[in-house]
């Protein structure tokens, strides 16, 4: 079983998450009552909707090598290479659920496209620059 499959199976048991059709049409997705949370695009790549507000709030902590940021995106991309990356994903999914529930913001529209459609994913870029 791949790391992504193991993570998906584990997350699908969380009471606040349900399997959903990814809006991008690629892979498998998990969502909550507040919108899409995660898109599993491959055996290693997962896009996670943290919201722009949550990304900015925790940006300095989102510098793990496994995390890639796209400026002004509501999503982060995780590359699952090691078991520790799955642990990081679990933590970030919890943060995403909290962000969607606690900090609803009209600019954090659930219709925002995941990073799978962005051509240039920028690793560890500070979103506050520029």
Protein backbone atom coordinates (compact mmCIF):
# COMPACT_ATOMS: atom_id res chain seq x y z
CA UNK A 1 0.00 0.00 0.00
CA UNK A 2 1.40 3.41 -0.96
CA UNK A 3 1.77 6.21 1.57
CA UNK A 4 -1.03 8.15 -0.13
CA UNK A 5 -3.37 5.14 -0.07
CA UNK A 6 -2.58 4.55 3.60
CA UNK A 7 -3.21 8.22 4.43
CA UNK A 8 -6.46 8.29 2.44
CA UNK A 9 -7.72 5.16 4.19
CA UNK A 10 -6.90 6.61 7.59
CA UNK A 11 -8.41 10.03 6.86
CA UNK A 12 -11.59 8.50 5.41
CA UNK A 13 -12.36 7.18 8.91
CA UNK A 14 -12.40 10.70 10.40
CA UNK A 15 -15.98 11.69 11.26
CA UNK A 16 -15.70 15.18 9.71
CA UNK A 17 -14.44 13.88 6.34
CA UNK A 18 -16.25 12.11 3.54
CA UNK A 19 -15.04 10.84 0.20
CA UNK A 20 -15.99 13.20 -2.60
CA UNK A 21 -15.40 13.74 -6.30
CA UNK A 22 -12.45 16.14 -6.70
CA UNK A 23 -13.51 19.36 -8.44
CA UNK A 24 -10.40 19.12 -10.61
CA UNK A 25 -11.46 15.66 -11.79
CA UNK A 26 -8.11 14.05 -10.94
CA UNK A 27 -7.68 11.33 -8.32
CA UNK A 28 -9.70 10.98 -5.12
CA UNK A 29 -10.86 13.64 -2.68
CA UNK A 30 -12.01 14.14 0.88
CA UNK A 31 -14.29 16.94 1.92
CA UNK A 32 -16.11 18.31 4.92
CA UNK A 33 -19.43 20.07 5.34
CA UNK A 34 -17.50 23.30 4.66
CA UNK A 35 -15.90 22.26 1.37
CA UNK A 36 -13.10 20.30 -0.23
CA UNK A 37 -10.19 19.45 2.05
CA UNK A 38 -7.80 17.12 0.20
CA UNK A 39 -7.17 15.86 -3.33
CA UNK A 40 -5.04 12.74 -3.67
CA UNK A 41 -3.65 13.15 -7.19
CA UNK A 42 -1.11 10.35 -7.29
CA UNK A 43 0.67 7.79 -5.14
CA UNK A 44 2.69 10.65 -3.63
CA UNK A 45 1.04 14.03 -4.26
CA UNK A 46 -1.77 15.46 -2.16
CA UNK A 47 -3.26 18.94 -2.48
CA UNK A 48 -4.71 20.25 0.77
CA UNK A 49 -7.05 23.24 1.03
CA UNK A 50 -5.80 25.15 4.05
CA UNK A 51 -7.32 28.51 2.99
CA UNK A 52 -5.23 31.60 2.26
CA UNK A 53 -5.82 32.92 5.77
CA UNK A 54 -4.48 29.73 7.42
CA UNK A 55 -1.51 29.57 5.06
CA UNK A 56 -0.56 33.14 5.91
CA UNK A 57 -1.09 32.57 9.62
CA UNK A 58 1.13 29.45 9.72
CA UNK A 59 3.40 30.26 6.79
CA UNK A 60 6.65 30.24 8.75
CA UNK A 61 5.83 26.69 9.89
CA UNK A 62 5.03 25.45 6.38
CA UNK A 63 8.64 25.13 5.35
CA UNK A 64 9.03 21.36 5.40
CA UNK A 65 10.70 19.96 2.31
CA UNK A 66 7.53 17.95 1.62
CA UNK A 67 5.36 21.09 1.37
CA UNK A 68 5.05 23.22 -1.75
CA UNK A 69 3.23 26.55 -1.84
CA UNK A 70 1.72 28.44 -4.75
CA UNK A 71 1.40 32.20 -4.18
CA UNK A 72 -2.20 33.28 -3.48
CA UNK A 73 -3.47 29.70 -3.62
CA UNK A 74 -5.80 28.32 -0.96
CA UNK A 75 -4.02 24.98 -1.36
CA UNK A 76 -0.66 23.50 -0.38
CA UNK A 77 0.84 20.44 -2.05
CA UNK A 78 2.45 17.69 -0.02
CA UNK A 79 4.83 15.14 -1.45
CA UNK A 80 4.54 11.92 0.53
CA UNK A 81 7.99 10.35 0.44
CA UNK A 82 8.34 9.13 4.03
CA UNK A 83 6.06 7.96 6.85
CA UNK A 84 6.75 11.27 8.63
CA UNK A 85 5.15 13.07 5.66
CA UNK A 86 1.92 11.16 6.35
CA UNK A 87 2.07 12.34 9.97
CA UNK A 88 2.52 15.90 8.69
CA UNK A 89 -0.48 15.44 6.38
CA UNK A 90 -2.64 14.31 9.32
CA UNK A 91 -1.67 17.44 11.25
CA UNK A 92 -2.37 19.69 8.28
CA UNK A 93 -5.75 18.06 7.57
CA UNK A 94 -6.70 18.81 11.17
CA UNK A 95 -5.58 22.41 10.65
CA UNK A 96 -7.54 22.60 7.39
CA UNK A 97 -10.72 21.38 9.09
CA UNK A 98 -10.27 23.97 11.83
CA UNK A 99 -9.55 26.72 9.30
CA UNK A 100 -12.69 25.96 7.32
CA UNK A 101 -14.81 25.89 10.48
CA UNK A 102 -13.28 28.68 12.57
CA UNK A 103 -12.19 31.24 9.98
CA UNK A 104 -14.84 31.26 7.26
CA UNK A 105 -13.97 33.97 4.78
CA UNK A 106 -15.77 34.85 1.54
CA UNK A 107 -12.41 35.05 -0.23
CA UNK A 108 -11.74 31.42 0.73
CA UNK A 109 -14.20 30.17 -1.84
CA UNK A 110 -14.46 26.38 -2.13
CA UNK A 111 -14.43 26.86 -5.92
CA UNK A 112 -10.74 27.79 -5.84
CA UNK A 113 -8.83 25.34 -8.00
CA UNK A 114 -6.30 23.03 -6.43
CA UNK A 115 -2.59 23.26 -7.22
CA UNK A 116 -2.79 20.35 -9.67
CA UNK A 117 -3.92 22.94 -12.24
CA UNK A 118 -1.14 25.42 -11.46
CA UNK A 119 1.85 24.89 -13.71
CA UNK A 120 4.46 26.24 -11.33
CA UNK A 121 4.44 25.00 -7.76
CA UNK A 122 6.96 26.99 -5.76
CA UNK A 123 8.68 25.16 -2.94
CA UNK A 124 8.92 26.99 0.37
CA UNK A 125 8.23 30.47 -1.01
CA UNK A 126 7.25 33.17 1.47
CA UNK A 127 3.76 34.31 0.48
CA UNK A 128 4.27 37.66 2.17
CA UNK A 129 6.97 38.69 -0.34
CA UNK A 130 6.14 40.48 -3.54
